[in-house]
Amino acid sequence: MKSDVQELKQRLNMLNCDEKLTDQIIAFLLNGDSRSSRLLLRRHRKQLMDELHICEKRVDELDFLVYQLDKQKL
């Protein structure tokens, strides 16, 4: 069980979960409350997706800027 918890901590860390969120998820799981753990993971997923969309918009803007500079041959 201890190695399972350690592995889960590592996976959550890789997913950019902070220590507080990681501890909450593990506590819920250890208490048999997988529903609450799933809720926290879904919220974190939404946050990551929001960040991804912001980065995508930045990349699109950067691509457009490069395109415009190439068009001007600068």
C-alpha atoms as a PDB file:
ATOM      1  CA  MET A   1       0.000   0.000   0.000  1.00  0.00           C
ATOM      2  CA  LYS A   2       2.818   2.408   0.895  1.00  0.00           C
ATOM      3  CA  SER A   3       4.461   1.952  -2.501  1.00  0.00           C
ATOM      4  CA  ASP A   4       1.080   2.537  -4.170  1.00  0.00           C
ATOM      5  CA  VAL A   5       0.723   5.844  -2.324  1.00  0.00           C
ATOM      6  CA  GLN A   6       4.279   6.832  -3.231  1.00  0.00           C
ATOM      7  CA  GLU A   7       3.649   5.991  -6.883  1.00  0.00           C
ATOM      8  CA  LEU A   8       0.430   8.002  -6.838  1.00  0.00           C
ATOM      9  CA  LYS A   9       2.265  10.966  -5.302  1.00  0.00           C
ATOM     10  CA  GLN A  10       4.845  10.809  -8.077  1.00  0.00           C
ATOM     11  CA  ARG A  11       2.163  10.645 -10.756  1.00  0.00           C
ATOM     12  CA  LEU A  12       0.267  13.579  -9.253  1.00  0.00           C
ATOM     13  CA  ASN A  13       3.501  15.557  -9.011  1.00  0.00           C
ATOM     14  CA  MET A  14       4.165  14.831 -12.691  1.00  0.00           C
ATOM     15  CA  LEU A  15       0.671  16.190 -13.401  1.00  0.00           C
ATOM     16  CA  ASN A  16       1.630  19.455 -11.684  1.00  0.00           C
ATOM     17  CA  CYS A  17      -0.573  18.869  -8.638  1.00  0.00           C
ATOM     18  CA  ASP A  18       0.683  20.852  -5.689  1.00  0.00           C
ATOM     19  CA  GLU A  19       1.330  19.203  -2.314  1.00  0.00           C
ATOM     20  CA  LYS A  20      -1.998  20.281  -0.842  1.00  0.00           C
ATOM     21  CA  LEU A  21      -4.017  18.856  -3.734  1.00  0.00           C
ATOM     22  CA  THR A  22      -1.958  15.660  -3.713  1.00  0.00           C
ATOM     23  CA  ASP A  23      -2.526  15.203   0.009  1.00  0.00           C
ATOM     24  CA  GLN A  24      -6.262  15.819  -0.374  1.00  0.00           C
ATOM     25  CA  ILE A  25      -6.609  13.295  -3.189  1.00  0.00           C
ATOM     26  CA  ILE A  26      -4.664  10.641  -1.308  1.00  0.00           C
ATOM     27  CA  ALA A  27      -6.586  11.269   1.919  1.00  0.00           C
ATOM     28  CA  PHE A  28      -9.894  10.847   0.097  1.00  0.00           C
ATOM     29  CA  LEU A  29      -8.688   7.638  -1.532  1.00  0.00           C
ATOM     30  CA  LEU A  30      -7.384   6.209   1.744  1.00  0.00           C
ATOM     31  CA  ASN A  31     -10.787   6.937   3.308  1.00  0.00           C
ATOM     32  CA  GLY A  32     -12.564   5.165   0.458  1.00  0.00           C
ATOM     33  CA  ASP A  33     -13.942   8.376  -1.036  1.00  0.00           C
ATOM     34  CA  SER A  34     -12.999   7.945  -4.668  1.00  0.00           C
ATOM     35  CA  ARG A  35     -15.842  10.252  -5.724  1.00  0.00           C
ATOM     36  CA  SER A  36     -14.209  13.249  -4.051  1.00  0.00           C
ATOM     37  CA  SER A  37     -10.831  12.271  -5.490  1.00  0.00           C
ATOM     38  CA  ARG A  38     -12.319  12.159  -8.980  1.00  0.00           C
ATOM     39  CA  LEU A  39     -13.916  15.562  -8.434  1.00  0.00           C
ATOM     40  CA  LEU A  40     -10.561  17.081  -7.461  1.00  0.00           C
ATOM     41  CA  LEU A  41      -8.857  15.437 -10.438  1.00  0.00           C
ATOM     42  CA  ARG A  42     -11.534  16.741 -12.806  1.00  0.00           C
ATOM     43  CA  ARG A  43     -11.094  20.258 -11.427  1.00  0.00           C
ATOM     44  CA  HIS A  44      -7.345  19.993 -11.904  1.00  0.00           C
ATOM     45  CA  ARG A  45      -7.880  18.724 -15.457  1.00  0.00           C
ATOM     46  CA  LYS A  46     -10.082  21.725 -16.211  1.00  0.00           C
ATOM     47  CA  GLN A  47      -7.400  24.042 -14.857  1.00  0.00           C
ATOM     48  CA  LEU A  48      -4.750  22.376 -17.024  1.00  0.00           C
ATOM     49  CA  MET A  49      -6.995  22.596 -20.086  1.00  0.00           C
ATOM     50  CA  ASP A  50      -7.610  26.294 -19.429  1.00  0.00           C
ATOM     51  CA  GLU A  51      -3.849  26.836 -19.228  1.00  0.00           C
ATOM     52  CA  LEU A  52      -3.382  24.840 -22.432  1.00  0.00           C
ATOM     53  CA  HIS A  53      -5.887  27.002 -24.295  1.00  0.00           C
ATOM     54  CA  ILE A  54      -4.146  30.147 -23.114  1.00  0.00           C
ATOM     55  CA  CYS A  55      -0.823  28.775 -24.369  1.00  0.00           C
ATOM     56  CA  GLU A  56      -2.395  27.780 -27.687  1.00  0.00           C
ATOM     57  CA  LYS A  57      -3.649  31.331 -28.170  1.00  0.00           C
ATOM     58  CA  ARG A  58      -0.172  32.669 -27.427  1.00  0.00           C
ATOM     59  CA  VAL A  59       1.384  30.287 -29.945  1.00  0.00           C
ATOM     60  CA  ASP A  60      -1.189  31.307 -32.554  1.00  0.00           C
ATOM     61  CA  GLU A  61      -0.388  34.952 -31.941  1.00  0.00           C
ATOM     62  CA  LEU A  62       3.323  34.248 -32.156  1.00  0.00           C
ATOM     63  CA  ASP A  63       2.833  32.361 -35.435  1.00  0.00           C
ATOM     64  CA  PHE A  64       0.870  35.286 -36.816  1.00  0.00           C
ATOM     65  CA  LEU A  65       3.589  37.718 -35.793  1.00  0.00           C
ATOM     66  CA  VAL A  66       6.245  35.589 -37.490  1.00  0.00           C
ATOM     67  CA  TYR A  67       4.052  35.319 -40.569  1.00  0.00           C
ATOM     68  CA  GLN A  68       3.693  39.086 -40.718  1.00  0.00           C
ATOM     69  CA  LEU A  69       7.423  39.608 -40.297  1.00  0.00           C
ATOM     70  CA  ASP A  70       8.162  37.054 -43.011  1.00  0.00           C
ATOM     71  CA  LYS A  71       5.678  38.768 -45.280  1.00  0.00           C
ATOM     72  CA  GLN A  72       7.522  42.060 -44.795  1.00  0.00           C
ATOM     73  CA  LYS A  73      10.846  40.298 -45.376  1.00  0.00           C
ATOM     74  CA  LEU A  74      12.365  41.827 -42.264  1.00  0.00           C
END
